[in-house]
C-alpha atoms as a PDB file:
ATOM      1  CA  MET A   1     -24.240  -3.122  22.627  1.00  0.00           C
ATOM      2  CA  LYS A   2     -22.777  -3.255  26.166  1.00  0.00           C
ATOM      3  CA  ILE A   3     -21.802  -6.887  25.659  1.00  0.00           C
ATOM      4  CA  PHE A   4     -20.131  -5.988  22.361  1.00  0.00           C
ATOM      5  CA  LEU A   5     -18.167  -3.145  23.956  1.00  0.00           C
ATOM      6  CA  CYS A   6     -17.077  -5.377  26.816  1.00  0.00           C
ATOM      7  CA  LEU A   7     -15.882  -7.988  24.355  1.00  0.00           C
ATOM      8  CA  LEU A   8     -13.864  -5.370  22.473  1.00  0.00           C
ATOM      9  CA  ALA A   9     -12.304  -4.224  25.738  1.00  0.00           C
ATOM     10  CA  VAL A  10     -11.318  -7.770  26.676  1.00  0.00           C
ATOM     11  CA  LEU A  11      -9.814  -8.388  23.258  1.00  0.00           C
ATOM     12  CA  SER A  12      -7.926  -5.111  23.433  1.00  0.00           C
ATOM     13  CA  LEU A  13      -6.483  -5.950  26.852  1.00  0.00           C
ATOM     14  CA  SER A  14      -5.528  -9.412  25.662  1.00  0.00           C
ATOM     15  CA  ALA A  15      -3.711  -7.992  22.642  1.00  0.00           C
ATOM     16  CA  LYS A  16      -1.914  -5.467  24.828  1.00  0.00           C
ATOM     17  CA  ALA A  17      -0.828  -8.180  27.238  1.00  0.00           C
ATOM     18  CA  GLN A  18       0.870 -10.011  24.374  1.00  0.00           C
ATOM     19  CA  THR A  19       2.770  -6.970  23.100  1.00  0.00           C
ATOM     20  CA  SER A  20       6.352  -7.225  24.281  1.00  0.00           C
ATOM     21  CA  VAL A  21       8.451  -4.409  25.710  1.00  0.00           C
ATOM     22  CA  CYS A  22      12.223  -4.784  25.535  1.00  0.00           C
ATOM     23  CA  TYR A  23      14.704  -3.002  27.782  1.00  0.00           C
ATOM     24  CA  GLY A  24      18.369  -2.211  27.375  1.00  0.00           C
ATOM     25  CA  THR A  25      20.429  -3.993  24.753  1.00  0.00           C
ATOM     26  CA  THR A  26      20.864  -7.502  23.422  1.00  0.00           C
ATOM     27  CA  SER A  27      23.906  -7.912  25.696  1.00  0.00           C
ATOM     28  CA  ASN A  28      22.504  -6.166  28.767  1.00  0.00           C
ATOM     29  CA  GLY A  29      18.729  -6.157  28.979  1.00  0.00           C
ATOM     30  CA  ARG A  30      15.460  -7.894  29.665  1.00  0.00           C
ATOM     31  CA  ILE A  31      11.950  -8.178  28.227  1.00  0.00           C
ATOM     32  CA  GLU A  32       8.336  -8.095  29.387  1.00  0.00           C
ATOM     33  CA  ASN A  33       5.542 -10.139  27.756  1.00  0.00           C
ATOM     34  CA  ALA A  34       7.890 -12.258  25.673  1.00  0.00           C
ATOM     35  CA  VAL A  35       6.181 -14.912  23.542  1.00  0.00           C
ATOM     36  CA  LYS A  36       7.180 -18.460  22.718  1.00  0.00           C
ATOM     37  CA  LEU A  37       7.969 -19.520  19.172  1.00  0.00           C
ATOM     38  CA  PRO A  38       5.820 -22.387  17.857  1.00  0.00           C
ATOM     39  CA  GLY A  39       7.483 -25.789  17.902  1.00  0.00           C
ATOM     40  CA  GLU A  40       6.949 -26.326  14.196  1.00  0.00           C
ATOM     41  CA  GLY A  41       5.246 -25.115  11.041  1.00  0.00           C
ATOM     42  CA  ASP A  42       4.801 -26.285   7.476  1.00  0.00           C
ATOM     43  CA  ASN A  43       8.437 -25.631   6.561  1.00  0.00           C
ATOM     44  CA  PHE A  44      10.205 -25.148   9.890  1.00  0.00           C
ATOM     45  CA  VAL A  45      10.876 -26.752  13.273  1.00  0.00           C
ATOM     46  CA  GLY A  46      12.507 -25.756  16.520  1.00  0.00           C
ATOM     47  CA  TYR A  47      15.913 -27.168  17.349  1.00  0.00           C
ATOM     48  CA  SER A  48      14.923 -28.987  20.534  1.00  0.00           C
ATOM     49  CA  THR A  49      11.751 -30.017  22.342  1.00  0.00           C
ATOM     50  CA  ILE A  50      13.767 -30.093  25.564  1.00  0.00           C
ATOM     51  CA  ALA A  51      14.970 -26.527  25.098  1.00  0.00           C
ATOM     52  CA  SER A  52      11.439 -25.383  24.334  1.00  0.00           C
ATOM     53  CA  LEU A  53      10.084 -27.057  27.473  1.00  0.00           C
ATOM     54  CA  ILE A  54      12.639 -25.385  29.726  1.00  0.00           C
ATOM     55  CA  GLY A  55      11.909 -21.973  28.189  1.00  0.00           C
ATOM     56  CA  ARG A  56      14.801 -21.195  25.826  1.00  0.00           C
ATOM     57  CA  THR A  57      12.642 -20.189  22.836  1.00  0.00           C
ATOM     58  CA  TYR A  58      11.057 -16.871  23.878  1.00  0.00           C
ATOM     59  CA  VAL A  59      11.276 -13.705  21.775  1.00  0.00           C
ATOM     60  CA  HIS A  60       9.793 -10.245  21.407  1.00  0.00           C
ATOM     61  CA  SER A  61       6.224 -10.474  20.038  1.00  0.00           C
ATOM     62  CA  GLN A  62       7.169  -8.480  16.942  1.00  0.00           C
ATOM     63  CA  VAL A  63      10.164 -10.744  16.311  1.00  0.00           C
ATOM     64  CA  LYS A  64       7.844 -13.751  16.403  1.00  0.00           C
ATOM     65  CA  ASP A  65       5.538 -12.130  13.837  1.00  0.00           C
ATOM     66  CA  ILE A  66       8.488 -11.374  11.556  1.00  0.00           C
ATOM     67  CA  ILE A  67       9.855 -14.908  11.800  1.00  0.00           C
ATOM     68  CA  ILE A  68       6.485 -16.526  11.044  1.00  0.00           C
ATOM     69  CA  GLN A  69       5.826 -14.177   8.122  1.00  0.00           C
ATOM     70  CA  ALA A  70       9.254 -14.932   6.650  1.00  0.00           C
ATOM     71  CA  TYR A  71       8.659 -18.678   6.852  1.00  0.00           C
ATOM     72  CA  ARG A  72       5.298 -18.260   5.134  1.00  0.00           C
ATOM     73  CA  GLN A  73       6.933 -16.320   2.327  1.00  0.00           C
ATOM     74  CA  LEU A  74       9.500 -19.082   1.890  1.00  0.00           C
ATOM     75  CA  GLU A  75       6.807 -21.749   1.558  1.00  0.00           C
ATOM     76  CA  THR A  76       6.241 -20.541  -1.996  1.00  0.00           C
ATOM     77  CA  GLU A  77       9.507 -18.783  -2.806  1.00  0.00           C
ATOM     78  CA  GLN A  78      11.636 -21.722  -1.649  1.00  0.00           C
ATOM     79  CA  ALA A  79       9.138 -24.579  -1.926  1.00  0.00           C
ATOM     80  CA  GLY A  80      10.544 -27.836  -0.615  1.00  0.00           C
ATOM     81  CA  LYS A  81      13.145 -26.149   1.571  1.00  0.00           C
ATOM     82  CA  VAL A  82      13.030 -26.773   5.324  1.00  0.00           C
ATOM     83  CA  TYR A  83      14.311 -24.511   8.086  1.00  0.00           C
ATOM     84  CA  LYS A  84      15.156 -24.802  11.769  1.00  0.00           C
ATOM     85  CA  TYR A  85      15.450 -22.070  14.373  1.00  0.00           C
ATOM     86  CA  ALA A  86      17.658 -22.460  17.455  1.00  0.00           C
ATOM     87  CA  GLU A  87      18.350 -20.481  20.642  1.00  0.00           C
ATOM     88  CA  THR A  88      16.370 -17.323  21.370  1.00  0.00           C
ATOM     89  CA  GLY A  89      16.091 -16.334  25.047  1.00  0.00           C
ATOM     90  CA  TRP A  90      14.280 -16.576  28.382  1.00  0.00           C
ATOM     91  CA  ALA A  91      10.728 -15.344  28.930  1.00  0.00           C
ATOM     92  CA  GLN A  92      12.019 -12.523  31.181  1.00  0.00           C
ATOM     93  CA  GLY A  93      15.251 -12.021  29.292  1.00  0.00           C
ATOM     94  CA  GLY A  94      18.518 -11.435  31.093  1.00  0.00           C
ATOM     95  CA  ARG A  95      21.713 -13.510  31.033  1.00  0.00           C
ATOM     96  CA  PHE A  96      21.349 -16.433  28.653  1.00  0.00           C
ATOM     97  CA  LYS A  97      24.372 -18.702  28.960  1.00  0.00           C
ATOM     98  CA  PRO A  98      26.503 -19.502  27.060  1.00  0.00           C
ATOM     99  CA  HIS A  99      25.547 -16.542  24.845  1.00  0.00           C
ATOM    100  CA  LYS A 100      26.852 -13.014  25.311  1.00  0.00           C
ATOM    101  CA  THR A 101      23.643 -11.566  23.861  1.00  0.00           C
ATOM    102  CA  HIS A 102      20.042 -12.923  23.600  1.00  0.00           C
ATOM    103  CA  GLN A 103      19.035 -10.867  26.657  1.00  0.00           C
ATOM    104  CA  ASN A 104      16.114  -8.703  25.504  1.00  0.00           C
ATOM    105  CA  GLY A 105      14.176 -10.836  23.062  1.00  0.00           C
ATOM    106  CA  LEU A 106      15.724  -9.416  19.890  1.00  0.00           C
ATOM    107  CA  SER A 107      18.378 -12.085  19.197  1.00  0.00           C
ATOM    108  CA  VAL A 108      17.629 -15.329  17.378  1.00  0.00           C
ATOM    109  CA  ASP A 109      19.868 -18.142  16.193  1.00  0.00           C
ATOM    110  CA  PHE A 110      18.885 -20.145  13.128  1.00  0.00           C
ATOM    111  CA  MET A 111      20.470 -23.459  12.208  1.00  0.00           C
ATOM    112  CA  THR A 112      22.163 -23.386   8.815  1.00  0.00           C
ATOM    113  CA  PRO A 113      20.010 -24.960   6.047  1.00  0.00           C
ATOM    114  CA  VAL A 114      21.639 -28.001   4.458  1.00  0.00           C
ATOM    115  CA  ILE A 115      21.112 -30.391   1.564  1.00  0.00           C
ATOM    116  CA  GLU A 116      22.005 -34.009   1.043  1.00  0.00           C
ATOM    117  CA  ALA A 117      24.057 -35.284  -1.900  1.00  0.00           C
ATOM    118  CA  ASP A 118      20.904 -35.618  -4.029  1.00  0.00           C
ATOM    119  CA  GLY A 119      19.966 -31.985  -3.368  1.00  0.00           C
ATOM    120  CA  LYS A 120      17.179 -32.754  -0.894  1.00  0.00           C
ATOM    121  CA  SER A 121      16.678 -30.103   1.776  1.00  0.00           C
ATOM    122  CA  VAL A 122      17.001 -31.587   5.270  1.00  0.00           C
ATOM    123  CA  HIS A 123      17.393 -30.320   8.826  1.00  0.00           C
ATOM    124  CA  LEU A 124      20.797 -30.071  10.408  1.00  0.00           C
ATOM    125  CA  PRO A 125      20.846 -32.694  13.203  1.00  0.00           C
ATOM    126  CA  THR A 126      20.435 -31.163  16.656  1.00  0.00           C
ATOM    127  CA  HIS A 127      20.565 -33.324  19.789  1.00  0.00           C
ATOM    128  CA  PRO A 128      22.259 -33.392  23.216  1.00  0.00           C
ATOM    129  CA  PHE A 129      25.276 -35.319  21.881  1.00  0.00           C
ATOM    130  CA  ASN A 130      26.273 -32.481  19.533  1.00  0.00           C
ATOM    131  CA  LYS A 131      25.184 -29.686  21.889  1.00  0.00           C
ATOM    132  CA  PHE A 132      21.956 -29.330  19.927  1.00  0.00           C
ATOM    133  CA  GLY A 133      23.878 -28.691  16.727  1.00  0.00           C
ATOM    134  CA  TYR A 134      26.236 -26.051  18.096  1.00  0.00           C
ATOM    135  CA  ASP A 135      29.182 -28.495  18.066  1.00  0.00           C
ATOM    136  CA  ILE A 136      28.919 -29.072  14.307  1.00  0.00           C
ATOM    137  CA  GLU A 137      31.797 -27.716  12.190  1.00  0.00           C
ATOM    138  CA  PHE A 138      31.605 -27.219   8.433  1.00  0.00           C
ATOM    139  CA  ASP A 139      34.777 -27.319   6.373  1.00  0.00           C
ATOM    140  CA  ALA A 140      35.943 -24.587   4.000  1.00  0.00           C
ATOM    141  CA  ASN A 141      33.722 -26.056   1.281  1.00  0.00           C
ATOM    142  CA  GLY A 142      30.624 -25.850   3.469  1.00  0.00           C
ATOM    143  CA  LYS A 143      30.462 -29.595   4.055  1.00  0.00           C
ATOM    144  CA  TYR A 144      29.760 -31.616   7.190  1.00  0.00           C
ATOM    145  CA  GLU A 145      29.748 -35.375   6.724  1.00  0.00           C
ATOM    146  CA  ALA A 146      27.193 -36.007   3.920  1.00  0.00           C
ATOM    147  CA  LEU A 147      25.600 -32.566   4.250  1.00  0.00           C
ATOM    148  CA  THR A 148      26.366 -29.319   2.394  1.00  0.00           C
ATOM    149  CA  ILE A 149      25.313 -25.794   3.314  1.00  0.00           C
ATOM    150  CA  ASP A 150      22.354 -24.655   1.214  1.00  0.00           C
ATOM    151  CA  TYR A 151      23.473 -21.087   0.592  1.00  0.00           C
ATOM    152  CA  LEU A 152      20.486 -20.318  -1.610  1.00  0.00           C
ATOM    153  CA  ALA A 153      18.012 -21.295   1.121  1.00  0.00           C
ATOM    154  CA  LEU A 154      20.042 -19.412   3.726  1.00  0.00           C
ATOM    155  CA  ALA A 155      20.234 -16.234   1.651  1.00  0.00           C
ATOM    156  CA  ALA A 156      16.524 -16.429   0.832  1.00  0.00           C
ATOM    157  CA  HIS A 157      15.704 -16.697   4.543  1.00  0.00           C
ATOM    158  CA  ILE A 158      17.703 -13.626   5.497  1.00  0.00           C
ATOM    159  CA  VAL A 159      16.070 -11.646   2.702  1.00  0.00           C
ATOM    160  CA  ALA A 160      12.625 -12.840   3.813  1.00  0.00           C
ATOM    161  CA  LEU A 161      13.369 -11.790   7.387  1.00  0.00           C
ATOM    162  CA  HIS A 162      14.477  -8.350   6.230  1.00  0.00           C
ATOM    163  CA  LYS A 163      11.400  -7.834   4.055  1.00  0.00           C
ATOM    164  CA  ALA A 164       9.067  -9.020   6.830  1.00  0.00           C
ATOM    165  CA  ALA A 165      10.765  -6.670   9.287  1.00  0.00           C
ATOM    166  CA  LYS A 166      10.489  -3.681   6.943  1.00  0.00           C
ATOM    167  CA  ALA A 167       6.810  -4.470   6.355  1.00  0.00           C
ATOM    168  CA  GLN A 168       6.321  -3.957  10.099  1.00  0.00           C
ATOM    169  CA  GLY A 169       8.262  -0.700  10.167  1.00  0.00           C
ATOM    170  CA  VAL A 170      11.403  -2.116  11.777  1.00  0.00           C
ATOM    171  CA  ASP A 171      14.632  -3.642  10.494  1.00  0.00           C
ATOM    172  CA  LEU A 172      17.426  -6.129  11.040  1.00  0.00           C
ATOM    173  CA  TRP A 173      20.314  -4.731  13.034  1.00  0.00           C
ATOM    174  CA  ARG A 174      22.913  -7.309  11.989  1.00  0.00           C
ATOM    175  CA  VAL A 175      23.520 -10.870  10.886  1.00  0.00           C
ATOM    176  CA  ILE A 176      26.443 -12.865  12.242  1.00  0.00           C
ATOM    177  CA  PHE A 177      27.679 -15.653   9.965  1.00  0.00           C
ATOM    178  CA  ASP A 178      31.209 -16.936   9.450  1.00  0.00           C
ATOM    179  CA  PRO A 179      32.953 -14.193   7.394  1.00  0.00           C
ATOM    180  CA  LYS A 180      34.865 -16.825   5.411  1.00  0.00           C
ATOM    181  CA  LEU A 181      31.586 -18.375   4.256  1.00  0.00           C
ATOM    182  CA  GLN A 182      29.717 -15.120   3.575  1.00  0.00           C
ATOM    183  CA  PRO A 183      30.930 -14.783  -0.068  1.00  0.00           C
ATOM    184  CA  ASN A 184      28.892 -17.885  -0.895  1.00  0.00           C
ATOM    185  CA  LEU A 185      25.734 -16.011   0.153  1.00  0.00           C
ATOM    186  CA  PHE A 186      26.623 -13.056  -2.046  1.00  0.00           C
ATOM    187  CA  ASN A 187      27.134 -15.379  -5.012  1.00  0.00           C
ATOM    188  CA  THR A 188      23.470 -16.442  -4.929  1.00  0.00           C
ATOM    189  CA  ARG A 189      20.721 -14.571  -6.770  1.00  0.00           C
ATOM    190  CA  TYR A 190      19.968 -12.799  -3.491  1.00  0.00           C
ATOM    191  CA  GLY A 191      23.506 -11.440  -3.231  1.00  0.00           C
ATOM    192  CA  ASP A 192      22.828  -7.911  -4.488  1.00  0.00           C
ATOM    193  CA  TYR A 193      19.873  -7.504  -2.127  1.00  0.00           C
ATOM    194  CA  LEU A 194      21.917  -8.702   0.848  1.00  0.00           C
ATOM    195  CA  LYS A 195      24.800  -6.350   0.063  1.00  0.00           C
ATOM    196  CA  LYS A 196      22.441  -3.397  -0.236  1.00  0.00           C
ATOM    197  CA  HIS A 197      20.065  -3.967   2.673  1.00  0.00           C
ATOM    198  CA  VAL A 198      21.587  -6.271   5.309  1.00  0.00           C
ATOM    199  CA  GLN A 199      24.473  -5.563   7.658  1.00  0.00           C
ATOM    200  CA  PHE A 200      26.734  -8.566   8.180  1.00  0.00           C
ATOM    201  CA  SER A 201      29.363  -8.761  10.890  1.00  0.00           C
ATOM    202  CA  ARG A 202      32.690  -8.765   9.016  1.00  0.00           C
ATOM    203  CA  LYS A 203      34.838  -9.815  11.968  1.00  0.00           C
ATOM    204  CA  ALA A 204      35.148 -13.328  13.330  1.00  0.00           C
ATOM    205  CA  SER A 205      33.026 -13.798  16.451  1.00  0.00           C
ATOM    206  CA  TRP A 206      34.038 -15.568  19.662  1.00  0.00           C
ATOM    207  CA  VAL A 207      32.349 -18.642  18.197  1.00  0.00           C
ATOM    208  CA  ARG A 208      32.539 -19.420  14.511  1.00  0.00           C
ATOM    209  CA  HIS A 209      28.862 -19.149  13.464  1.00  0.00           C
ATOM    210  CA  ASP A 210      28.997 -21.658  10.641  1.00  0.00           C
ATOM    211  CA  GLU A 211      26.442 -24.211  11.856  1.00  0.00           C
ATOM    212  CA  HIS A 212      24.099 -21.363  12.743  1.00  0.00           C
ATOM    213  CA  TYR A 213      23.573 -17.704  11.866  1.00  0.00           C
ATOM    214  CA  HIS A 214      22.679 -15.126  14.481  1.00  0.00           C
ATOM    215  CA  VAL A 215      20.163 -12.383  13.701  1.00  0.00           C
ATOM    216  CA  ASP A 216      19.603  -9.277  15.835  1.00  0.00           C
ATOM    217  CA  PHE A 217      16.414  -7.338  15.149  1.00  0.00           C
ATOM    218  CA  ALA A 218      16.293  -3.524  15.286  1.00  0.00           C
ATOM    219  CA  ILE A 219      13.175  -2.904  17.356  1.00  0.00           C
ATOM    220  CA  PRO A 220      12.930   0.123  19.694  1.00  0.00           C
ATOM    221  CA  CYS A 221      13.556  -0.659  23.360  1.00  0.00           C
ATOM    222  CA  VAL A 222      13.394   1.264  26.623  1.00  0.00           C
ATOM    223  CA  HIS A 223      16.914   2.366  27.553  1.00  0.00           C
ATOM    224  CA  SER A 224      16.238   4.584  30.576  1.00  0.00           C
ATOM    225  CA  GLU A 225      16.442   2.002  33.341  1.00  0.00           C
ATOM    226  CA  THR A 226      19.444   1.993  35.671  1.00  0.00           C
ATOM    227  CA  LYS A 227      21.939  -0.804  36.022  1.00  0.00           C
ATOM    228  CA  ASN A 228      22.283  -2.925  39.148  1.00  0.00           C
ATOM    229  CA  ASN A 229      25.453  -5.013  39.243  1.00  0.00           C
ATOM    230  CA  GLY A 230      25.758  -4.665  35.483  1.00  0.00           C
ATOM    231  CA  VAL A 231      22.305  -6.004  34.644  1.00  0.00           C
ATOM    232  CA  ILE A 232      19.356  -3.836  33.695  1.00  0.00           C
ATOM    233  CA  LYS A 233      16.451  -4.567  36.027  1.00  0.00           C
END
């Protein structure tokens, strides 16, 4: 019995150690016990092995759970579709150049899903020569070279993220995606759900957000810490 109780205590402490605590805001904050996103799954990959190795793919533990659950849902709901996540944040949070946010583990960029001319779902190319995908520009018709934005897959992913978040008692704060391209999301079969449940940024951001969409998660953080030179410690 003593051995069993000791084992439970160890497991409890281990679980607690992996529960993240975020501080401040996405644009002025930090995080404790951030966790790293897996490099790949059955229907998703990370945007860069290099970025993962240097620590640019850490998130809040609850954000990780939501992301993984959403991808699992899409395995059946959007069978054959592939997804790619991008920048997240540092293990300790804080300033994450060149982003203005991504500081407390609640901000995640996802590369825009695309299809080839034959309709096959493929990953948007991300490598050092195109700034890991962030230099890509789609035209007004959602095309980049031989690739076209897969609005159905994109809309389905945002809905899956929202449902996974609500299942955990939290929510999405906002989604940033090029306002000029947003109507194409609302024209999919997920459009009514998105209009009702998801807040999209309606104003153009300082970067276009066409090759990727930025998601901020609404998870409670500690806001009581004082600022030191503009950064929450």
